[in-house]
Amino acid sequence: MSEPTVRKLTLLDLQGIDSQTQAAIQKIAARIVVAKVLKERLSASVFDELGELAEQYVYGCFTTLKRGKTLRGSCGFLGRPTRLSDAIAESAQKTARDDPRMPGISSIELPYLSCHLTLLSDPLAIEADGAQRNEKIELGKHGLRITTSLTSPYGQRGGLILPAQPLEQGWDIDATLAALCRQAGLPTDAWKDPSVLLETFEGLEIPGDLSLVELPDPMPLEGPPGDVESLQKLKAATVQTMINLSHGATPNYYVLDAMDGTAQTIVLSAVDVDSNVPLAHWIQTSLRPGLPLQSSVFELSRLAEGTLRRSRFDKAVDIDLALSILYDAAHHGSVHPVDWDEEKLKESLSDCGLEGVYANQRAIMVLCGERIAVAFDPSKSVHDLLEQAASMIRSESLSMSVMSLGCISTASSLLASNGPRTGSSDRTPKESASGS
């Protein structure tokens, strides 16, 4: 009986990759990201420029997308020998749309994103006891991975930090290890535990931008989950549902031919018919994985009916409803306390770029903790919309994340939040707000 043949993998020499080949690798990753976002197909010929290198193996690969300082996605793997071509494709595609921590990349973000690819060596366990482990780590050279097993007191957990991250964040070794443990959901000193596996690895980071590849002009935009007519049908059904609920009748749980699908934010507004002034808003948000549209609108209508039934108005009020559906989220950075000049938002922002956003197509959403504010008005500038939304939930000490989303609405404009401002300058808004 013949002995089995053992195939030896050809490992890619990370330090032997010249600058021209690095640029080709980065451009391939960028093309894959763009194709994934735009829902285009790429053939295997995208790897032809790499020649035989495409068939050589790496132990890991991560693709990282950022807009300025804001992380927009970073996905990959470590410890599984994989052909270079497959490693690039896997990490780039997952980063583009499937990072579970944040919404997928919108097409309007593509011209403004950096795209860095990091090829990784095999991980090596740190052979040292407890607190001496940190002496084996060289920041800037080593990435770190921490792992616990199913039988560990902590349960099965894991976390990973790429070699460049501590330098980018300005961390020392203690801060790096604490961040690694937090990422894994472990106590910040768990890296000292001998039952915890702590590994180092090295990597080759290849920087670049998505703008280095040819992008379509004009850029294709993600459409809403239906047209205006289907939204009007959903609004009419929502009005009828609230009437049925108020009379104890059976509501409509599903409406044929009305808008349905997935949204990332839904705003139901009660409006005074005579003054056209909003009386209250109910907001539901899920940037990932999104909201099932009709069932979420039903839940908001149930909350709204209960709130309005318990309300006491100074006079008889005729109420109409407005329904706003937000989709295709894009991240634009953050507004920090230093970006304010008293009550006005500065024209130049330190960490927020609104390029590519048009007020007639997209709403501005600002998030601070669990508080959310949304502004949509085609007659205003995007900067004014950001200022309006941020002012509703502004804190003097906290930063706020800034998103834009495609918006389709039965109202001509929208300004809503799910809570009042906090901090020393808090004030109660004139409009009541509920929901989440």
Protein backbone atom coordinates (compact mmCIF):
# COMPACT_ATOMS: atom_id res chain seq x y z
CA MET A 1 0.00 0.00 0.00
CA SER A 2 1.50 3.32 -1.07
CA GLU A 3 2.01 6.12 1.44
CA PRO A 4 -0.27 9.15 1.11
CA THR A 5 1.21 12.15 -0.65
CA VAL A 6 1.57 15.21 1.56
CA ARG A 7 1.16 18.44 -0.36
CA LYS A 8 3.39 21.26 0.83
CA LEU A 9 1.81 24.70 0.61
CA THR A 10 3.79 27.50 -0.97
CA LEU A 11 3.67 30.36 1.52
CA LEU A 12 3.83 33.93 0.32
CA ASP A 13 6.93 35.80 1.51
CA LEU A 14 5.33 38.96 2.88
CA GLN A 15 8.61 40.84 3.14
CA GLY A 16 9.54 39.97 -0.44
CA ILE A 17 6.55 41.71 -2.07
CA ASP A 18 7.78 44.74 -4.01
CA SER A 19 5.94 48.07 -4.10
CA GLN A 20 4.48 47.49 -7.57
CA THR A 21 2.97 44.17 -6.52
CA GLN A 22 1.66 45.71 -3.31
CA ALA A 23 -0.12 48.38 -5.33
CA ALA A 24 -1.65 45.69 -7.56
CA ILE A 25 -2.89 43.74 -4.52
CA GLN A 26 -4.47 46.85 -3.00
CA LYS A 27 -6.15 47.79 -6.27
CA ILE A 28 -7.64 44.31 -6.58
CA ALA A 29 -9.07 44.55 -3.07
CA ALA A 30 -10.51 47.98 -3.90
CA ARG A 31 -12.12 46.67 -7.09
CA ILE A 32 -13.72 43.80 -5.16
CA VAL A 33 -15.11 46.19 -2.53
CA VAL A 34 -16.59 48.46 -5.21
CA ALA A 35 -18.09 45.53 -7.12
CA LYS A 36 -19.67 44.14 -3.96
CA VAL A 37 -21.25 47.48 -3.04
CA LEU A 38 -22.51 48.09 -6.59
CA LYS A 39 -23.72 44.47 -6.90
CA GLU A 40 -21.50 43.81 -9.91
CA ARG A 41 -19.79 40.57 -10.85
CA LEU A 42 -16.05 40.27 -11.30
CA SER A 43 -14.40 37.43 -13.19
CA ALA A 44 -11.36 35.52 -11.96
CA SER A 45 -9.28 37.56 -14.40
CA VAL A 46 -9.18 40.33 -11.78
CA PHE A 47 -6.25 38.39 -10.25
CA ASP A 48 -4.31 37.92 -13.51
CA GLU A 49 -1.88 40.73 -12.69
CA LEU A 50 -0.63 38.76 -9.68
CA GLY A 51 0.43 35.77 -11.78
CA GLU A 52 1.71 32.85 -9.69
CA LEU A 53 1.49 34.88 -6.48
CA ALA A 54 -2.30 34.50 -6.57
CA GLU A 55 -1.83 30.76 -5.87
CA GLN A 56 0.54 31.22 -2.94
CA TYR A 57 -0.78 30.99 0.60
CA VAL A 58 -1.16 33.46 3.45
CA TYR A 59 -2.18 32.73 7.04
CA GLY A 60 -4.56 35.65 7.22
CA CYS A 61 -5.90 38.75 5.51
CA PHE A 62 -7.92 41.80 6.63
CA THR A 63 -9.46 44.58 4.56
CA THR A 64 -10.07 47.84 6.42
CA LEU A 65 -12.24 50.71 5.14
CA LYS A 66 -12.26 54.16 6.75
CA ARG A 67 -13.71 57.57 6.05
CA GLY A 68 -11.14 59.88 7.59
CA LYS A 69 -10.76 58.60 11.15
CA THR A 70 -14.10 56.77 11.11
CA LEU A 71 -13.95 53.00 10.74
CA ARG A 72 -16.45 51.75 8.14
CA GLY A 73 -15.55 48.10 8.17
CA SER A 74 -12.71 45.69 8.91
CA CYS A 75 -13.12 41.97 8.31
CA GLY A 76 -10.87 39.05 7.60
CA PHE A 77 -9.37 35.95 9.17
CA LEU A 78 -6.20 34.61 10.78
CA GLY A 79 -4.71 31.15 11.18
CA ARG A 80 -6.22 29.44 8.13
CA PRO A 81 -3.75 28.99 5.23
CA THR A 82 -5.57 30.34 2.17
CA ARG A 83 -4.60 31.18 -1.40
CA LEU A 84 -3.85 34.89 -1.77
CA SER A 85 -6.60 35.36 -4.36
CA ASP A 86 -9.21 33.73 -2.12
CA ALA A 87 -7.98 35.62 0.94
CA ILE A 88 -8.29 39.02 -0.76
CA ALA A 89 -11.75 38.21 -2.13
CA GLU A 90 -13.07 36.88 1.19
CA SER A 91 -11.90 39.79 3.33
CA ALA A 92 -12.82 42.52 0.83
CA GLN A 93 -16.33 41.22 0.15
CA LYS A 94 -17.14 40.73 3.82
CA THR A 95 -15.84 44.17 4.77
CA ALA A 96 -17.90 45.86 2.05
CA ARG A 97 -21.30 44.64 3.16
CA ASP A 98 -21.12 42.15 6.02
CA ASP A 99 -19.24 43.66 8.97
CA PRO A 100 -21.76 42.81 11.73
CA ARG A 101 -20.83 45.89 13.79
CA MET A 102 -22.09 48.51 11.34
CA PRO A 103 -24.26 49.07 8.26
CA GLY A 104 -22.88 47.97 4.92
CA ILE A 105 -21.09 50.49 2.72
CA SER A 106 -23.35 52.78 0.67
CA SER A 107 -22.39 53.62 -2.90
CA ILE A 108 -22.27 57.33 -2.02
CA GLU A 109 -19.36 56.61 0.36
CA LEU A 110 -17.10 54.93 -2.18
CA PRO A 111 -15.21 58.03 -3.44
CA TYR A 112 -14.26 59.03 0.12
CA LEU A 113 -13.05 55.76 1.66
CA SER A 114 -9.52 54.54 2.25
CA CYS A 115 -8.95 50.84 1.63
CA HIS A 116 -6.06 49.15 3.43
CA LEU A 117 -5.23 45.48 3.03
CA THR A 118 -3.18 43.66 5.68
CA LEU A 119 -1.63 40.28 4.88
CA LEU A 120 -0.83 38.25 8.00
CA SER A 121 1.75 35.68 9.05
CA ASP A 122 1.02 32.63 11.17
CA PRO A 123 0.13 33.35 14.82
CA LEU A 124 2.58 32.29 17.52
CA ALA A 125 1.60 31.65 21.14
CA ILE A 126 3.44 33.79 23.69
CA GLU A 127 5.50 31.43 25.81
CA ALA A 128 5.61 33.41 29.03
CA ASP A 129 3.81 33.41 32.36
CA GLY A 130 1.12 35.84 33.43
CA ALA A 131 2.18 39.47 33.62
CA GLN A 132 5.46 38.73 31.79
CA ARG A 133 3.58 38.14 28.54
CA ASN A 134 3.58 41.83 27.67
CA GLU A 135 7.39 41.78 27.52
CA LYS A 136 7.18 39.62 24.39
CA ILE A 137 5.09 42.15 22.47
CA GLU A 138 6.54 44.81 20.18
CA LEU A 139 3.97 47.47 19.32
CA GLY A 140 3.87 48.37 15.65
CA LYS A 141 5.37 45.02 14.69
CA HIS A 142 3.05 42.54 16.38
CA GLY A 143 -0.66 42.10 16.06
CA LEU A 144 -2.41 40.28 18.89
CA ARG A 145 -5.06 37.61 19.17
CA ILE A 146 -6.67 36.42 22.39
CA THR A 147 -8.73 33.22 22.58
CA THR A 148 -10.55 31.27 25.28
CA SER A 149 -11.99 27.77 24.95
CA LEU A 150 -15.45 26.39 25.62
CA THR A 151 -14.22 24.94 28.92
CA SER A 152 -12.75 28.26 30.06
CA PRO A 153 -14.43 30.09 32.96
CA TYR A 154 -15.00 32.91 30.45
CA GLY A 155 -16.60 30.67 27.82
CA GLN A 156 -15.47 30.65 24.19
CA ARG A 157 -14.38 34.15 23.20
CA GLY A 158 -11.88 35.80 20.92
CA GLY A 159 -10.50 39.16 19.86
CA LEU A 160 -7.88 40.47 17.44
CA ILE A 161 -5.93 43.70 16.99
CA LEU A 162 -3.96 44.35 13.79
CA PRO A 163 -0.32 45.50 14.10
CA ALA A 164 -1.00 49.11 13.04
CA GLN A 165 -3.95 49.74 15.36
CA PRO A 166 -2.08 50.57 18.61
CA LEU A 167 0.04 53.18 16.83
CA GLU A 168 -3.03 54.71 15.14
CA GLN A 169 -4.83 54.95 18.48
CA GLY A 170 -1.81 56.11 20.48
CA TRP A 171 -2.01 53.13 22.84
CA ASP A 172 0.81 51.86 25.02
CA ILE A 173 1.15 48.14 25.72
CA ASP A 174 -1.23 48.17 28.70
CA ALA A 175 -3.92 50.06 26.78
CA THR A 176 -3.50 47.70 23.82
CA LEU A 177 -3.95 44.58 25.92
CA ALA A 178 -6.94 46.09 27.73
CA ALA A 179 -8.56 46.99 24.38
CA LEU A 180 -7.93 43.46 23.10
CA CYS A 181 -9.64 41.98 26.15
CA ARG A 182 -12.61 44.35 25.87
CA GLN A 183 -13.03 43.43 22.22
CA ALA A 184 -13.26 39.78 23.24
CA GLY A 185 -15.72 40.55 26.05
CA LEU A 186 -13.16 39.62 28.70
CA PRO A 187 -11.94 41.40 31.85
CA THR A 188 -9.20 43.86 30.91
CA ASP A 189 -6.53 41.81 32.74
CA ALA A 190 -7.60 38.43 31.32
CA TRP A 191 -4.47 38.37 29.13
CA LYS A 192 -2.50 37.45 32.27
CA ASP A 193 -4.59 34.30 32.86
CA PRO A 194 -2.55 31.18 31.94
CA SER A 195 -5.72 29.48 30.66
CA VAL A 196 -6.11 32.23 28.05
CA LEU A 197 -4.28 31.84 24.74
CA LEU A 198 -2.43 35.03 23.76
CA GLU A 199 -0.73 35.06 20.35
CA THR A 200 1.33 37.48 18.30
CA PHE A 201 1.51 37.71 14.53
CA GLU A 202 3.11 40.01 11.99
CA GLY A 203 1.58 41.65 8.97
CA LEU A 204 2.18 43.64 5.82
CA GLU A 205 -0.21 46.60 5.60
CA ILE A 206 -0.82 47.92 2.09
CA PRO A 207 -2.52 51.35 2.16
CA GLY A 208 -4.62 52.93 -0.55
CA ASP A 209 -7.97 54.49 -1.45
CA LEU A 210 -11.04 53.26 -3.28
CA SER A 211 -10.73 56.30 -5.54
CA LEU A 212 -7.66 54.64 -7.11
CA VAL A 213 -10.03 52.43 -9.11
CA GLU A 214 -12.41 53.77 -11.73
CA LEU A 215 -15.77 54.62 -10.16
CA PRO A 216 -18.98 55.11 -12.15
CA ASP A 217 -20.16 58.66 -12.82
CA PRO A 218 -22.92 59.25 -11.96
CA MET A 219 -22.80 56.88 -9.00
CA PRO A 220 -25.71 54.38 -8.85
CA LEU A 221 -27.90 54.93 -5.79
CA GLU A 222 -29.73 52.38 -3.68
CA GLY A 223 -33.46 52.84 -4.20
CA PRO A 224 -36.23 52.87 -1.57
CA PRO A 225 -38.20 49.71 -0.76
CA GLY A 226 -41.12 51.00 -2.84
CA ASP A 227 -42.54 54.03 -4.64
CA VAL A 228 -44.56 56.97 -3.32
CA GLU A 229 -47.86 55.33 -4.25
CA SER A 230 -47.05 52.22 -2.22
CA LEU A 231 -46.00 54.43 0.71
CA GLN A 232 -49.30 56.33 0.55
CA LYS A 233 -51.14 53.00 0.67
CA LEU A 234 -49.15 52.03 3.74
CA LYS A 235 -49.94 55.36 5.39
CA ALA A 236 -53.67 54.96 4.66
CA ALA A 237 -53.57 51.45 6.12
CA THR A 238 -51.77 52.79 9.20
CA VAL A 239 -54.49 55.40 9.75
CA GLN A 240 -57.13 52.68 9.49
CA THR A 241 -55.16 50.44 11.86
CA MET A 242 -55.10 53.16 14.51
CA ILE A 243 -58.84 53.74 14.09
CA ASN A 244 -59.47 50.01 14.48
CA LEU A 245 -57.26 49.83 17.57
CA SER A 246 -59.04 52.78 19.17
CA HIS A 247 -62.40 51.04 18.68
CA GLY A 248 -61.21 47.60 19.76
CA ALA A 249 -61.60 46.24 16.24
CA THR A 250 -59.20 43.89 14.48
CA PRO A 251 -56.35 45.83 12.83
CA ASN A 252 -54.72 45.11 9.48
CA TYR A 253 -51.50 43.22 10.07
CA TYR A 254 -50.44 43.12 6.42
CA VAL A 255 -51.45 45.25 3.45
CA LEU A 256 -51.19 43.98 -0.11
CA ASP A 257 -49.64 46.37 -2.65
CA ALA A 258 -48.39 48.66 0.14
CA MET A 259 -44.69 49.36 0.65
CA ASP A 260 -42.84 46.47 2.25
CA GLY A 261 -39.30 45.17 2.52
CA THR A 262 -36.52 46.37 4.80
CA ALA A 263 -35.83 49.86 6.15
CA GLN A 264 -33.17 51.14 8.54
CA THR A 265 -35.27 53.83 10.22
CA ILE A 266 -39.02 54.47 10.30
CA VAL A 267 -40.59 57.67 11.62
CA LEU A 268 -44.32 57.90 12.26
CA SER A 269 -45.47 61.46 12.92
CA ALA A 270 -48.75 62.85 14.24
CA VAL A 271 -49.46 66.24 12.66
CA ASP A 272 -51.98 68.97 13.57
CA VAL A 273 -54.01 69.34 10.38
CA ASP A 274 -54.84 73.04 10.94
CA SER A 275 -51.32 74.26 11.72
CA ASN A 276 -49.36 71.49 9.96
CA VAL A 277 -47.20 71.33 13.11
CA PRO A 278 -46.00 67.89 14.27
CA LEU A 279 -47.41 66.91 17.66
CA ALA A 280 -45.28 63.81 18.24
CA HIS A 281 -42.95 61.37 16.52
CA TRP A 282 -42.36 57.66 17.01
CA ILE A 283 -39.02 56.41 15.75
CA GLN A 284 -37.68 52.91 15.26
CA THR A 285 -34.12 52.32 14.06
CA SER A 286 -31.98 49.33 13.15
CA LEU A 287 -29.00 50.23 11.00
CA ARG A 288 -28.11 46.55 10.95
CA PRO A 289 -29.78 44.19 10.11
CA GLY A 290 -32.66 46.57 9.38
CA LEU A 291 -36.38 46.61 10.12
CA PRO A 292 -39.14 44.51 8.53
CA LEU A 293 -41.15 47.41 7.20
CA GLN A 294 -44.84 46.61 7.57
CA SER A 295 -44.58 44.83 10.93
CA SER A 296 -42.46 47.69 12.32
CA VAL A 297 -44.95 50.31 11.11
CA PHE A 298 -47.72 48.31 12.78
CA GLU A 299 -45.82 48.33 16.07
CA LEU A 300 -45.28 52.09 15.82
CA SER A 301 -48.98 52.63 15.05
CA ARG A 302 -49.89 50.63 18.15
CA LEU A 303 -47.60 52.80 20.29
CA ALA A 304 -48.91 55.98 18.67
CA GLU A 305 -52.56 55.04 19.18
CA GLY A 306 -51.95 54.39 22.88
CA THR A 307 -50.09 57.66 23.35
CA LEU A 308 -52.68 59.78 21.54
CA ARG A 309 -55.56 58.10 23.37
CA ARG A 310 -53.99 59.06 26.72
CA SER A 311 -53.10 62.60 25.65
CA ARG A 312 -54.93 65.70 26.86
CA PHE A 313 -55.15 68.52 24.33
CA ASP A 314 -56.14 72.11 25.14
CA LYS A 315 -58.67 72.02 22.31
CA ALA A 316 -60.05 69.61 19.77
CA VAL A 317 -57.31 68.69 17.32
CA ASP A 318 -57.63 67.08 13.92
CA ILE A 319 -54.67 64.77 13.49
CA ASP A 320 -53.11 63.40 10.33
CA LEU A 321 -50.22 60.98 10.08
CA ALA A 322 -46.98 61.23 8.16
CA LEU A 323 -44.77 58.26 7.42
CA SER A 324 -41.06 58.53 6.60
CA ILE A 325 -38.92 55.59 5.50
CA LEU A 326 -35.11 55.82 5.67
CA TYR A 327 -32.74 53.39 3.96
CA ASP A 328 -29.19 53.03 2.54
CA ALA A 329 -27.25 54.38 5.54
CA ALA A 330 -23.89 56.07 5.02
CA HIS A 331 -21.51 57.12 7.80
CA HIS A 332 -19.98 60.60 7.61
CA GLY A 333 -17.96 60.79 10.82
CA SER A 334 -18.67 62.59 14.07
CA VAL A 335 -19.56 66.00 15.45
CA HIS A 336 -17.49 66.83 18.53
CA PRO A 337 -18.03 69.49 21.20
CA VAL A 338 -15.22 71.57 19.61
CA ASP A 339 -17.28 71.83 16.40
CA TRP A 340 -19.76 74.22 18.04
CA ASP A 341 -19.54 77.98 18.30
CA GLU A 342 -22.08 78.54 21.07
CA GLU A 343 -25.40 77.41 19.50
CA LYS A 344 -24.13 77.31 15.91
CA LEU A 345 -22.34 74.47 14.20
CA LYS A 346 -19.09 75.57 12.58
CA GLU A 347 -18.93 75.47 8.79
CA SER A 348 -15.68 73.46 8.88
CA LEU A 349 -15.97 70.28 10.94
CA SER A 350 -12.97 68.48 12.40
CA ASP A 351 -14.13 64.91 11.79
CA CYS A 352 -17.21 64.94 9.56
CA GLY A 353 -17.48 65.09 5.78
CA LEU A 354 -20.84 65.60 4.07
CA GLU A 355 -19.57 65.39 0.49
CA GLY A 356 -21.84 63.35 -1.74
CA VAL A 357 -25.02 64.14 0.23
CA TYR A 358 -27.89 66.04 -1.40
CA ALA A 359 -30.74 67.39 0.73
CA ASN A 360 -33.39 66.46 -1.85
CA GLN A 361 -32.38 62.79 -1.68
CA ARG A 362 -31.18 62.05 1.82
CA ALA A 363 -31.97 62.74 5.45
CA ILE A 364 -29.37 63.48 8.12
CA MET A 365 -29.38 61.33 11.24
CA VAL A 366 -27.39 62.10 14.38
CA LEU A 367 -26.84 59.52 17.13
CA CYS A 368 -25.61 60.04 20.68
CA GLY A 369 -25.93 56.97 22.87
CA GLU A 370 -29.55 55.86 22.62
CA ARG A 371 -30.72 59.27 21.39
CA ILE A 372 -31.51 59.82 17.72
CA ALA A 373 -32.45 62.90 15.72
CA VAL A 374 -33.46 63.01 12.06
CA ALA A 375 -33.75 65.98 9.69
CA PHE A 376 -35.02 66.00 6.10
CA ASP A 377 -35.89 69.11 4.12
CA PRO A 378 -35.04 69.54 0.42
CA SER A 379 -35.22 73.33 0.81
CA LYS A 380 -32.31 73.47 3.28
CA SER A 381 -28.59 72.88 2.96
CA VAL A 382 -27.12 69.63 4.24
CA HIS A 383 -25.10 71.59 6.82
CA ASP A 384 -28.28 73.25 8.11
CA LEU A 385 -29.96 69.85 8.41
CA LEU A 386 -27.01 68.54 10.41
CA GLU A 387 -27.14 71.57 12.70
CA GLN A 388 -30.88 71.13 13.26
CA ALA A 389 -30.63 67.43 14.04
CA ALA A 390 -27.53 67.75 16.23
CA SER A 391 -29.06 70.62 18.21
CA MET A 392 -32.00 68.42 19.23
CA ILE A 393 -29.84 65.91 21.13
CA ARG A 394 -26.65 67.89 21.66
CA SER A 395 -24.56 67.27 24.76
CA GLU A 396 -21.82 69.68 25.77
CA SER A 397 -19.43 66.82 26.56
CA LEU A 398 -20.28 64.00 24.14
CA SER A 399 -19.56 63.43 20.47
CA MET A 400 -22.31 62.44 18.04
CA SER A 401 -22.15 60.07 15.08
CA VAL A 402 -23.44 61.46 11.78
CA MET A 403 -25.24 59.36 9.19
CA SER A 404 -27.16 60.11 6.03
CA LEU A 405 -29.93 57.90 4.71
CA GLY A 406 -32.09 57.87 1.63
CA CYS A 407 -35.53 59.19 2.54
CA ILE A 408 -39.00 58.73 1.10
CA SER A 409 -41.80 60.43 3.03
CA THR A 410 -45.44 61.43 2.85
CA ALA A 411 -44.37 64.74 4.43
CA SER A 412 -42.46 67.51 2.68
CA SER A 413 -39.98 67.77 5.57
CA LEU A 414 -39.09 66.04 8.82
CA LEU A 415 -37.42 67.06 12.07
CA ALA A 416 -37.76 64.47 14.81
CA SER A 417 -35.95 62.99 17.78
CA ASN A 418 -36.61 60.26 20.32
CA GLY A 419 -35.59 62.30 23.36
CA PRO A 420 -34.58 65.69 24.76
CA ARG A 421 -31.10 67.09 25.01
CA THR A 422 -28.93 66.18 27.96
CA GLY A 423 -26.25 68.03 29.86
CA SER A 424 -26.18 71.39 31.57
CA SER A 425 -27.96 73.08 28.68
CA ASP A 426 -30.84 70.61 28.46
CA ARG A 427 -34.25 71.86 27.52
CA THR A 428 -37.56 70.12 27.00
CA PRO A 429 -38.64 70.19 23.36
CA LYS A 430 -41.95 71.77 22.42
CA GLU A 431 -42.97 68.58 20.67
CA SER A 432 -43.53 65.41 22.62
CA ALA A 433 -41.53 62.44 21.45
CA SER A 434 -41.81 58.75 22.20
CA GLY A 435 -40.85 55.43 20.74
CA SER A 436 -37.34 54.10 20.21
